[in-house]
Amino acid sequence: MSPKISAFRRLHETGCFVIPNPWDRGSAIYLETLGFKALASTSAGFAWSVGRPDNRVSVDQVLKHLEEIASAVSVPVNADFEDGFAKEPEVVAANVARAARTGIAGLSIEDSTRDAQEPLLDFSLAVERIKAARAAIDRSGSGVLLTGRSEGFFAGRPDIQETVRRLEAYAAAGADVLYAPGIRSKEDISAVVGAVAPKPVNLLIPGNWMTVADAAALGVRRISVGGALAYSAWGSFAKAAKEIAESGSFSGFAPQGPPIKLNEIFGRR
């Protein structure tokens, strides 16, 4: 087991930690300088960086991206591995095996179909996919952590009972960490944490509605922000660019705080 994977596993044993989501090599390096103990990729942030919508990049593109992120920093990286880039468990397993060789310390598999009429995969199939991912990681001998994600609250099916049922099944199928992006109420968060305990839970916090201390008090072990950092960067970029295009002025370049010494930071790499 690599030192990064060992460190990532230890982070999940106690307390609550944040894995912010960089979208390219530079943003990953910068986040590491701020002292974060681990990072996570973002499917949306990466897709936008290559001019694609979320969930519309190929597995080969993502695997290359994961190699770049993981090799850029000395801290563990968790991969947003979307739906495993396949529906069939055996193909998910093959893709997970490839991902385990990129240098990542963890990866997640979700159960979304991206079909508005039937937004979640059939329950039995979803469980088999987690089992297949688990088996692939075990065969790799890597020790990569597997996160099972249930997307109901993101996909238009905000049913906490069904979400808990799925996460319990994913835990039983071998997921090391459980994750239901989109849950926000203290009651729902507590329900998920209690249902899969003692396995750790990842909570998505993409806005200012909960603090790390609040999440920790509810038993959350890990926090990610998804595409929020990338979207924030795009927002600042778009605001400044629109001003130039529409009014010919450049106030969008005004400093928003202390200067970021990017040349100095990247020059040390």
C-alpha atoms as a PDB file:
ATOM      1  CA  MET A   1       0.000   0.000   0.000  1.00  0.00           C
ATOM      2  CA  SER A   2       1.416   3.386  -0.989  1.00  0.00           C
ATOM      3  CA  PRO A   3       2.138   6.052   1.651  1.00  0.00           C
ATOM      4  CA  LYS A   4      -0.594   8.255   0.180  1.00  0.00           C
ATOM      5  CA  ILE A   5      -3.220   5.543   0.465  1.00  0.00           C
ATOM      6  CA  SER A   6      -2.113   4.711   4.001  1.00  0.00           C
ATOM      7  CA  ALA A   7      -2.360   8.401   4.937  1.00  0.00           C
ATOM      8  CA  PHE A   8      -5.800   8.649   3.345  1.00  0.00           C
ATOM      9  CA  ARG A   9      -7.038   5.679   5.321  1.00  0.00           C
ATOM     10  CA  ARG A  10      -5.779   7.206   8.565  1.00  0.00           C
ATOM     11  CA  LEU A  11      -7.634  10.442   7.847  1.00  0.00           C
ATOM     12  CA  HIS A  12     -10.892   8.502   7.860  1.00  0.00           C
ATOM     13  CA  GLU A  13     -10.332   6.978  11.283  1.00  0.00           C
ATOM     14  CA  THR A  14     -11.137   9.994  13.487  1.00  0.00           C
ATOM     15  CA  GLY A  15     -12.272  13.601  13.278  1.00  0.00           C
ATOM     16  CA  CYS A  16     -13.591  15.485  10.264  1.00  0.00           C
ATOM     17  CA  PHE A  17     -11.494  16.724   7.350  1.00  0.00           C
ATOM     18  CA  VAL A  18     -12.047  18.638   4.110  1.00  0.00           C
ATOM     19  CA  ILE A  19     -11.018  17.423   0.667  1.00  0.00           C
ATOM     20  CA  PRO A  20     -11.413  20.484  -1.597  1.00  0.00           C
ATOM     21  CA  ASN A  21     -11.799  19.812  -5.303  1.00  0.00           C
ATOM     22  CA  PRO A  22      -9.178  21.121  -7.746  1.00  0.00           C
ATOM     23  CA  TRP A  23      -9.877  20.925 -11.457  1.00  0.00           C
ATOM     24  CA  ASP A  24      -6.344  20.940 -12.871  1.00  0.00           C
ATOM     25  CA  ARG A  25      -2.719  20.538 -11.869  1.00  0.00           C
ATOM     26  CA  GLY A  26      -2.234  24.164 -10.849  1.00  0.00           C
ATOM     27  CA  SER A  27      -5.313  24.361  -8.634  1.00  0.00           C
ATOM     28  CA  ALA A  28      -4.272  21.095  -6.963  1.00  0.00           C
ATOM     29  CA  ILE A  29      -0.811  22.432  -6.185  1.00  0.00           C
ATOM     30  CA  TYR A  30      -2.223  25.655  -4.777  1.00  0.00           C
ATOM     31  CA  LEU A  31      -4.689  23.842  -2.521  1.00  0.00           C
ATOM     32  CA  GLU A  32      -1.890  21.717  -1.125  1.00  0.00           C
ATOM     33  CA  THR A  33       0.027  24.868  -0.138  1.00  0.00           C
ATOM     34  CA  LEU A  34      -2.946  25.870   2.034  1.00  0.00           C
ATOM     35  CA  GLY A  35      -2.399  22.821   4.214  1.00  0.00           C
ATOM     36  CA  PHE A  36      -5.223  20.508   3.149  1.00  0.00           C
ATOM     37  CA  LYS A  37      -4.353  16.909   3.981  1.00  0.00           C
ATOM     38  CA  ALA A  38      -6.109  15.429   0.930  1.00  0.00           C
ATOM     39  CA  LEU A  39      -7.824  16.567  -2.270  1.00  0.00           C
ATOM     40  CA  ALA A  40     -10.550  15.271  -4.567  1.00  0.00           C
ATOM     41  CA  SER A  41     -11.138  15.640  -8.270  1.00  0.00           C
ATOM     42  CA  THR A  42     -14.361  17.142  -9.623  1.00  0.00           C
ATOM     43  CA  SER A  43     -16.017  15.764 -12.730  1.00  0.00           C
ATOM     44  CA  ALA A  44     -17.704  19.108 -13.426  1.00  0.00           C
ATOM     45  CA  GLY A  45     -14.608  21.223 -12.858  1.00  0.00           C
ATOM     46  CA  PHE A  46     -12.480  19.026 -15.096  1.00  0.00           C
ATOM     47  CA  ALA A  47     -15.133  18.866 -17.821  1.00  0.00           C
ATOM     48  CA  TRP A  48     -15.451  22.671 -17.895  1.00  0.00           C
ATOM     49  CA  SER A  49     -11.667  23.022 -18.103  1.00  0.00           C
ATOM     50  CA  VAL A  50     -11.672  21.087 -21.389  1.00  0.00           C
ATOM     51  CA  GLY A  51     -14.785  22.788 -22.744  1.00  0.00           C
ATOM     52  CA  ARG A  52     -17.236  19.988 -22.072  1.00  0.00           C
ATOM     53  CA  PRO A  53     -20.382  19.702 -19.916  1.00  0.00           C
ATOM     54  CA  ASP A  54     -20.240  17.580 -16.794  1.00  0.00           C
ATOM     55  CA  ASN A  55     -20.355  13.816 -17.411  1.00  0.00           C
ATOM     56  CA  ARG A  56     -19.395  14.263 -21.040  1.00  0.00           C
ATOM     57  CA  VAL A  57     -15.714  13.351 -20.990  1.00  0.00           C
ATOM     58  CA  SER A  58     -14.244   9.961 -21.816  1.00  0.00           C
ATOM     59  CA  VAL A  59     -12.750   7.499 -19.383  1.00  0.00           C
ATOM     60  CA  ASP A  60      -9.366   7.909 -21.087  1.00  0.00           C
ATOM     61  CA  GLN A  61      -9.496  11.674 -20.578  1.00  0.00           C
ATOM     62  CA  VAL A  62     -10.380  11.246 -16.921  1.00  0.00           C
ATOM     63  CA  LEU A  63      -7.669   8.671 -16.291  1.00  0.00           C
ATOM     64  CA  LYS A  64      -5.045  11.001 -17.746  1.00  0.00           C
ATOM     65  CA  HIS A  65      -6.431  13.840 -15.648  1.00  0.00           C
ATOM     66  CA  LEU A  66      -6.242  11.730 -12.483  1.00  0.00           C
ATOM     67  CA  GLU A  67      -2.615  10.870 -13.194  1.00  0.00           C
ATOM     68  CA  GLU A  68      -1.810  14.563 -13.605  1.00  0.00           C
ATOM     69  CA  ILE A  69      -3.542  15.591 -10.385  1.00  0.00           C
ATOM     70  CA  ALA A  70      -2.166  12.716  -8.310  1.00  0.00           C
ATOM     71  CA  SER A  71       1.407  13.265  -9.501  1.00  0.00           C
ATOM     72  CA  ALA A  72       1.248  17.020  -8.907  1.00  0.00           C
ATOM     73  CA  VAL A  73       0.811  16.840  -5.135  1.00  0.00           C
ATOM     74  CA  SER A  74       2.205  14.922  -2.172  1.00  0.00           C
ATOM     75  CA  VAL A  75      -1.185  14.475  -0.490  1.00  0.00           C
ATOM     76  CA  PRO A  76      -3.771  11.784  -1.284  1.00  0.00           C
ATOM     77  CA  VAL A  77      -6.289  12.406  -4.068  1.00  0.00           C
ATOM     78  CA  ASN A  78      -9.798  10.967  -4.199  1.00  0.00           C
ATOM     79  CA  ALA A  79     -11.264  10.540  -7.682  1.00  0.00           C
ATOM     80  CA  ASP A  80     -14.755  11.507  -8.749  1.00  0.00           C
ATOM     81  CA  PHE A  81     -15.073   8.470 -11.009  1.00  0.00           C
ATOM     82  CA  GLU A  82     -18.658   9.291 -11.961  1.00  0.00           C
ATOM     83  CA  ASP A  83     -20.624   6.122 -12.824  1.00  0.00           C
ATOM     84  CA  GLY A  84     -17.501   4.103 -13.559  1.00  0.00           C
ATOM     85  CA  PHE A  85     -17.976   5.077 -17.215  1.00  0.00           C
ATOM     86  CA  ALA A  86     -20.140   2.032 -17.827  1.00  0.00           C
ATOM     87  CA  LYS A  87     -23.386   0.428 -16.804  1.00  0.00           C
ATOM     88  CA  GLU A  88     -22.314  -3.208 -16.728  1.00  0.00           C
ATOM     89  CA  PRO A  89     -20.542  -4.296 -13.511  1.00  0.00           C
ATOM     90  CA  GLU A  90     -17.749  -6.071 -15.362  1.00  0.00           C
ATOM     91  CA  VAL A  91     -16.889  -2.947 -17.370  1.00  0.00           C
ATOM     92  CA  VAL A  92     -17.057  -0.790 -14.242  1.00  0.00           C
ATOM     93  CA  ALA A  93     -14.596  -3.236 -12.664  1.00  0.00           C
ATOM     94  CA  ALA A  94     -12.213  -2.944 -15.612  1.00  0.00           C
ATOM     95  CA  ASN A  95     -12.306   0.851 -15.486  1.00  0.00           C
ATOM     96  CA  VAL A  96     -11.821   0.898 -11.718  1.00  0.00           C
ATOM     97  CA  ALA A  97      -8.774  -1.337 -12.120  1.00  0.00           C
ATOM     98  CA  ARG A  98      -7.314   1.196 -14.544  1.00  0.00           C
ATOM     99  CA  ALA A  99      -8.096   4.057 -12.179  1.00  0.00           C
ATOM    100  CA  ALA A 100      -6.348   2.277  -9.305  1.00  0.00           C
ATOM    101  CA  ARG A 101      -3.114   2.474 -11.313  1.00  0.00           C
ATOM    102  CA  THR A 102      -3.199   6.280 -11.725  1.00  0.00           C
ATOM    103  CA  GLY A 103      -1.820   7.109  -8.284  1.00  0.00           C
ATOM    104  CA  ILE A 104      -5.134   8.056  -6.674  1.00  0.00           C
ATOM    105  CA  ALA A 105      -5.899   7.089  -3.075  1.00  0.00           C
ATOM    106  CA  GLY A 106      -9.661   6.677  -3.445  1.00  0.00           C
ATOM    107  CA  LEU A 107     -12.516   6.779  -5.942  1.00  0.00           C
ATOM    108  CA  SER A 108     -16.296   7.006  -5.934  1.00  0.00           C
ATOM    109  CA  ILE A 109     -18.920   5.172  -7.963  1.00  0.00           C
ATOM    110  CA  GLU A 110     -22.402   6.696  -8.297  1.00  0.00           C
ATOM    111  CA  ASP A 111     -25.789   5.212  -9.147  1.00  0.00           C
ATOM    112  CA  SER A 112     -27.201   7.924 -11.411  1.00  0.00           C
ATOM    113  CA  THR A 113     -28.497   7.092 -14.886  1.00  0.00           C
ATOM    114  CA  ARG A 114     -28.732  10.756 -16.020  1.00  0.00           C
ATOM    115  CA  ASP A 115     -32.195   9.906 -17.302  1.00  0.00           C
ATOM    116  CA  ALA A 116     -34.826  12.261 -15.891  1.00  0.00           C
ATOM    117  CA  GLN A 117     -37.537   9.606 -16.127  1.00  0.00           C
ATOM    118  CA  GLU A 118     -35.530   6.905 -14.321  1.00  0.00           C
ATOM    119  CA  PRO A 119     -32.724   8.819 -12.589  1.00  0.00           C
ATOM    120  CA  LEU A 120     -31.331   5.966 -10.496  1.00  0.00           C
ATOM    121  CA  LEU A 121     -30.025   2.600 -11.563  1.00  0.00           C
ATOM    122  CA  ASP A 122     -32.022  -0.466 -10.570  1.00  0.00           C
ATOM    123  CA  PHE A 123     -31.216  -1.235  -6.946  1.00  0.00           C
ATOM    124  CA  SER A 124     -29.791  -4.710  -7.565  1.00  0.00           C
ATOM    125  CA  LEU A 125     -27.660  -3.524 -10.468  1.00  0.00           C
ATOM    126  CA  ALA A 126     -26.346  -0.595  -8.434  1.00  0.00           C
ATOM    127  CA  VAL A 127     -25.266  -2.956  -5.663  1.00  0.00           C
ATOM    128  CA  GLU A 128     -23.607  -5.335  -8.133  1.00  0.00           C
ATOM    129  CA  ARG A 129     -21.609  -2.429  -9.538  1.00  0.00           C
ATOM    130  CA  ILE A 130     -20.243  -1.594  -6.082  1.00  0.00           C
ATOM    131  CA  LYS A 131     -19.378  -5.263  -5.555  1.00  0.00           C
ATOM    132  CA  ALA A 132     -17.562  -5.281  -8.894  1.00  0.00           C
ATOM    133  CA  ALA A 133     -15.618  -2.139  -8.027  1.00  0.00           C
ATOM    134  CA  ARG A 134     -14.698  -3.632  -4.640  1.00  0.00           C
ATOM    135  CA  ALA A 135     -13.455  -6.831  -6.258  1.00  0.00           C
ATOM    136  CA  ALA A 136     -11.395  -4.887  -8.801  1.00  0.00           C
ATOM    137  CA  ILE A 137      -9.701  -2.866  -6.074  1.00  0.00           C
ATOM    138  CA  ASP A 138      -9.023  -6.000  -4.037  1.00  0.00           C
ATOM    139  CA  ARG A 139      -7.475  -7.713  -7.050  1.00  0.00           C
ATOM    140  CA  SER A 140      -5.267  -4.672  -7.631  1.00  0.00           C
ATOM    141  CA  GLY A 141      -3.822  -4.948  -4.131  1.00  0.00           C
ATOM    142  CA  SER A 142      -3.679  -1.150  -4.056  1.00  0.00           C
ATOM    143  CA  GLY A 143      -5.819  -0.454  -0.995  1.00  0.00           C
ATOM    144  CA  VAL A 144      -7.613   2.385  -2.811  1.00  0.00           C
ATOM    145  CA  LEU A 145     -10.653   3.481  -0.796  1.00  0.00           C
ATOM    146  CA  LEU A 146     -14.029   2.915  -2.442  1.00  0.00           C
ATOM    147  CA  THR A 147     -16.826   5.437  -1.948  1.00  0.00           C
ATOM    148  CA  GLY A 148     -20.394   4.409  -2.745  1.00  0.00           C
ATOM    149  CA  ARG A 149     -22.569   7.329  -3.873  1.00  0.00           C
ATOM    150  CA  SER A 150     -26.335   7.481  -4.071  1.00  0.00           C
ATOM    151  CA  GLU A 151     -27.505  10.362  -6.243  1.00  0.00           C
ATOM    152  CA  GLY A 152     -31.210  10.566  -5.416  1.00  0.00           C
ATOM    153  CA  PHE A 153     -31.069  14.063  -3.929  1.00  0.00           C
ATOM    154  CA  PHE A 154     -29.110  15.282  -6.966  1.00  0.00           C
ATOM    155  CA  ALA A 155     -31.176  13.434  -9.542  1.00  0.00           C
ATOM    156  CA  GLY A 156     -34.676  14.509  -8.569  1.00  0.00           C
ATOM    157  CA  ARG A 157     -35.484  11.667  -6.151  1.00  0.00           C
ATOM    158  CA  PRO A 158     -34.928  13.247  -2.704  1.00  0.00           C
ATOM    159  CA  ASP A 159     -36.124  10.246  -0.733  1.00  0.00           C
ATOM    160  CA  ILE A 160     -34.069   9.786   2.431  1.00  0.00           C
ATOM    161  CA  GLN A 161     -35.419   6.284   3.083  1.00  0.00           C
ATOM    162  CA  GLU A 162     -34.376   5.081  -0.368  1.00  0.00           C
ATOM    163  CA  THR A 163     -31.056   6.882  -0.052  1.00  0.00           C
ATOM    164  CA  VAL A 164     -30.349   5.178   3.264  1.00  0.00           C
ATOM    165  CA  ARG A 165     -31.413   1.794   1.852  1.00  0.00           C
ATOM    166  CA  ARG A 166     -28.965   2.162  -0.992  1.00  0.00           C
ATOM    167  CA  LEU A 167     -26.086   3.398   1.133  1.00  0.00           C
ATOM    168  CA  GLU A 168     -26.553   0.556   3.606  1.00  0.00           C
ATOM    169  CA  ALA A 169     -26.433  -1.890   0.700  1.00  0.00           C
ATOM    170  CA  TYR A 170     -23.326  -0.241  -0.750  1.00  0.00           C
ATOM    171  CA  ALA A 171     -21.642  -0.461   2.638  1.00  0.00           C
ATOM    172  CA  ALA A 172     -22.491  -4.163   2.820  1.00  0.00           C
ATOM    173  CA  ALA A 173     -21.194  -4.605  -0.744  1.00  0.00           C
ATOM    174  CA  GLY A 174     -17.763  -3.283   0.229  1.00  0.00           C
ATOM    175  CA  ALA A 175     -17.809   0.508   0.019  1.00  0.00           C
ATOM    176  CA  ASP A 176     -15.370   2.018   2.527  1.00  0.00           C
ATOM    177  CA  VAL A 177     -17.045   5.449   2.544  1.00  0.00           C
ATOM    178  CA  LEU A 178     -20.653   6.430   1.866  1.00  0.00           C
ATOM    179  CA  TYR A 179     -21.864   9.592   0.166  1.00  0.00           C
ATOM    180  CA  ALA A 180     -25.249  11.090  -0.687  1.00  0.00           C
ATOM    181  CA  PRO A 181     -24.581  14.411  -2.434  1.00  0.00           C
ATOM    182  CA  GLY A 182     -27.433  16.860  -2.067  1.00  0.00           C
ATOM    183  CA  ILE A 183     -28.540  16.044   1.479  1.00  0.00           C
ATOM    184  CA  ARG A 184     -28.631  19.205   3.579  1.00  0.00           C
ATOM    185  CA  SER A 185     -30.881  18.918   6.601  1.00  0.00           C
ATOM    186  CA  LYS A 186     -29.391  17.874   9.919  1.00  0.00           C
ATOM    187  CA  GLU A 187     -31.994  15.139  10.134  1.00  0.00           C
ATOM    188  CA  ASP A 188     -31.026  13.607   6.790  1.00  0.00           C
ATOM    189  CA  ILE A 189     -27.309  13.876   7.496  1.00  0.00           C
ATOM    190  CA  SER A 190     -27.752  12.208  10.885  1.00  0.00           C
ATOM    191  CA  ALA A 191     -29.876   9.486   9.303  1.00  0.00           C
ATOM    192  CA  VAL A 192     -27.132   8.629   6.812  1.00  0.00           C
ATOM    193  CA  VAL A 193     -24.343   8.760   9.402  1.00  0.00           C
ATOM    194  CA  GLY A 194     -26.275   6.535  11.790  1.00  0.00           C
ATOM    195  CA  ALA A 195     -27.319   4.040   9.131  1.00  0.00           C
ATOM    196  CA  VAL A 196     -23.818   3.197   7.890  1.00  0.00           C
ATOM    197  CA  ALA A 197     -21.840   3.638  11.120  1.00  0.00           C
ATOM    198  CA  PRO A 198     -19.054   2.945  11.843  1.00  0.00           C
ATOM    199  CA  LYS A 199     -18.165   3.506   8.194  1.00  0.00           C
ATOM    200  CA  PRO A 200     -17.341   7.156   7.401  1.00  0.00           C
ATOM    201  CA  VAL A 201     -19.650   9.501   5.514  1.00  0.00           C
ATOM    202  CA  ASN A 202     -18.670  12.181   2.994  1.00  0.00           C
ATOM    203  CA  LEU A 203     -20.816  15.328   2.947  1.00  0.00           C
ATOM    204  CA  LEU A 204     -20.975  17.741   0.019  1.00  0.00           C
ATOM    205  CA  ILE A 205     -20.968  21.399   1.135  1.00  0.00           C
ATOM    206  CA  PRO A 206     -20.906  23.611  -1.987  1.00  0.00           C
ATOM    207  CA  GLY A 207     -22.286  26.708  -0.252  1.00  0.00           C
ATOM    208  CA  ASN A 208     -22.338  28.644   3.000  1.00  0.00           C
ATOM    209  CA  TRP A 209     -25.016  26.624   4.834  1.00  0.00           C
ATOM    210  CA  MET A 210     -22.893  24.525   7.175  1.00  0.00           C
ATOM    211  CA  THR A 211     -19.451  24.757   8.781  1.00  0.00           C
ATOM    212  CA  VAL A 212     -16.869  22.055   9.300  1.00  0.00           C
ATOM    213  CA  ALA A 213     -17.625  22.172  13.022  1.00  0.00           C
ATOM    214  CA  ASP A 214     -21.358  21.720  12.368  1.00  0.00           C
ATOM    215  CA  ALA A 215     -20.714  18.719  10.118  1.00  0.00           C
ATOM    216  CA  ALA A 216     -18.301  17.169  12.592  1.00  0.00           C
ATOM    217  CA  ALA A 217     -20.902  17.483  15.341  1.00  0.00           C
ATOM    218  CA  LEU A 218     -23.276  15.417  13.198  1.00  0.00           C
ATOM    219  CA  GLY A 219     -20.682  12.656  12.806  1.00  0.00           C
ATOM    220  CA  VAL A 220     -19.540  13.508   9.273  1.00  0.00           C
ATOM    221  CA  ARG A 221     -15.989  12.343   8.688  1.00  0.00           C
ATOM    222  CA  ARG A 222     -15.188  13.915   5.294  1.00  0.00           C
ATOM    223  CA  ILE A 223     -16.318  17.056   3.456  1.00  0.00           C
ATOM    224  CA  SER A 224     -15.960  17.884  -0.240  1.00  0.00           C
ATOM    225  CA  VAL A 225     -17.111  20.900  -2.265  1.00  0.00           C
ATOM    226  CA  GLY A 226     -17.639  19.367  -5.705  1.00  0.00           C
ATOM    227  CA  GLY A 227     -17.421  21.836  -8.562  1.00  0.00           C
ATOM    228  CA  ALA A 228     -17.956  24.878  -6.313  1.00  0.00           C
ATOM    229  CA  LEU A 229     -14.360  26.109  -6.378  1.00  0.00           C
ATOM    230  CA  ALA A 230     -14.173  25.717 -10.153  1.00  0.00           C
ATOM    231  CA  TYR A 231     -17.510  27.490 -10.573  1.00  0.00           C
ATOM    232  CA  SER A 232     -16.320  30.324  -8.338  1.00  0.00           C
ATOM    233  CA  ALA A 233     -13.190  30.728 -10.468  1.00  0.00           C
ATOM    234  CA  TRP A 234     -15.271  30.718 -13.649  1.00  0.00           C
ATOM    235  CA  GLY A 235     -17.572  33.323 -12.095  1.00  0.00           C
ATOM    236  CA  SER A 236     -14.717  35.766 -11.447  1.00  0.00           C
ATOM    237  CA  PHE A 237     -13.300  35.132 -14.911  1.00  0.00           C
ATOM    238  CA  ALA A 238     -16.676  35.651 -16.604  1.00  0.00           C
ATOM    239  CA  LYS A 239     -17.407  38.855 -14.697  1.00  0.00           C
ATOM    240  CA  ALA A 240     -14.093  40.444 -15.679  1.00  0.00           C
ATOM    241  CA  ALA A 241     -14.312  39.266 -19.298  1.00  0.00           C
ATOM    242  CA  LYS A 242     -17.916  40.493 -19.740  1.00  0.00           C
ATOM    243  CA  GLU A 243     -16.960  43.920 -18.448  1.00  0.00           C
ATOM    244  CA  ILE A 244     -14.271  44.221 -21.098  1.00  0.00           C
ATOM    245  CA  ALA A 245     -16.612  42.990 -23.840  1.00  0.00           C
ATOM    246  CA  GLU A 246     -19.587  45.129 -22.833  1.00  0.00           C
ATOM    247  CA  SER A 247     -18.102  48.380 -21.494  1.00  0.00           C
ATOM    248  CA  GLY A 248     -14.445  48.394 -22.470  1.00  0.00           C
ATOM    249  CA  SER A 249     -13.371  48.843 -18.843  1.00  0.00           C
ATOM    250  CA  PHE A 250     -11.131  46.694 -16.696  1.00  0.00           C
ATOM    251  CA  SER A 251     -12.184  47.054 -13.073  1.00  0.00           C
ATOM    252  CA  GLY A 252     -12.694  43.307 -12.869  1.00  0.00           C
ATOM    253  CA  PHE A 253      -8.932  42.992 -12.548  1.00  0.00           C
ATOM    254  CA  ALA A 254      -8.904  44.858  -9.234  1.00  0.00           C
ATOM    255  CA  PRO A 255      -7.208  42.791  -6.514  1.00  0.00           C
ATOM    256  CA  GLN A 256      -9.603  40.738  -4.401  1.00  0.00           C
ATOM    257  CA  GLY A 257      -7.179  40.392  -1.515  1.00  0.00           C
ATOM    258  CA  PRO A 258      -3.444  39.818  -1.074  1.00  0.00           C
ATOM    259  CA  PRO A 259      -1.622  38.940  -4.294  1.00  0.00           C
ATOM    260  CA  ILE A 260      -1.323  35.247  -5.069  1.00  0.00           C
ATOM    261  CA  LYS A 261       2.309  34.518  -5.846  1.00  0.00           C
ATOM    262  CA  LEU A 262       1.642  31.831  -8.410  1.00  0.00           C
ATOM    263  CA  ASN A 263       5.060  31.998 -10.096  1.00  0.00           C
ATOM    264  CA  GLU A 264       6.707  31.501  -6.733  1.00  0.00           C
ATOM    265  CA  ILE A 265       4.392  28.638  -5.775  1.00  0.00           C
ATOM    266  CA  PHE A 266       4.713  26.805  -9.078  1.00  0.00           C
ATOM    267  CA  GLY A 267       8.442  27.572  -9.330  1.00  0.00           C
ATOM    268  CA  ARG A 268       9.064  25.351  -6.341  1.00  0.00           C
ATOM    269  CA  ARG A 269       7.707  22.326  -8.228  1.00  0.00           C
END
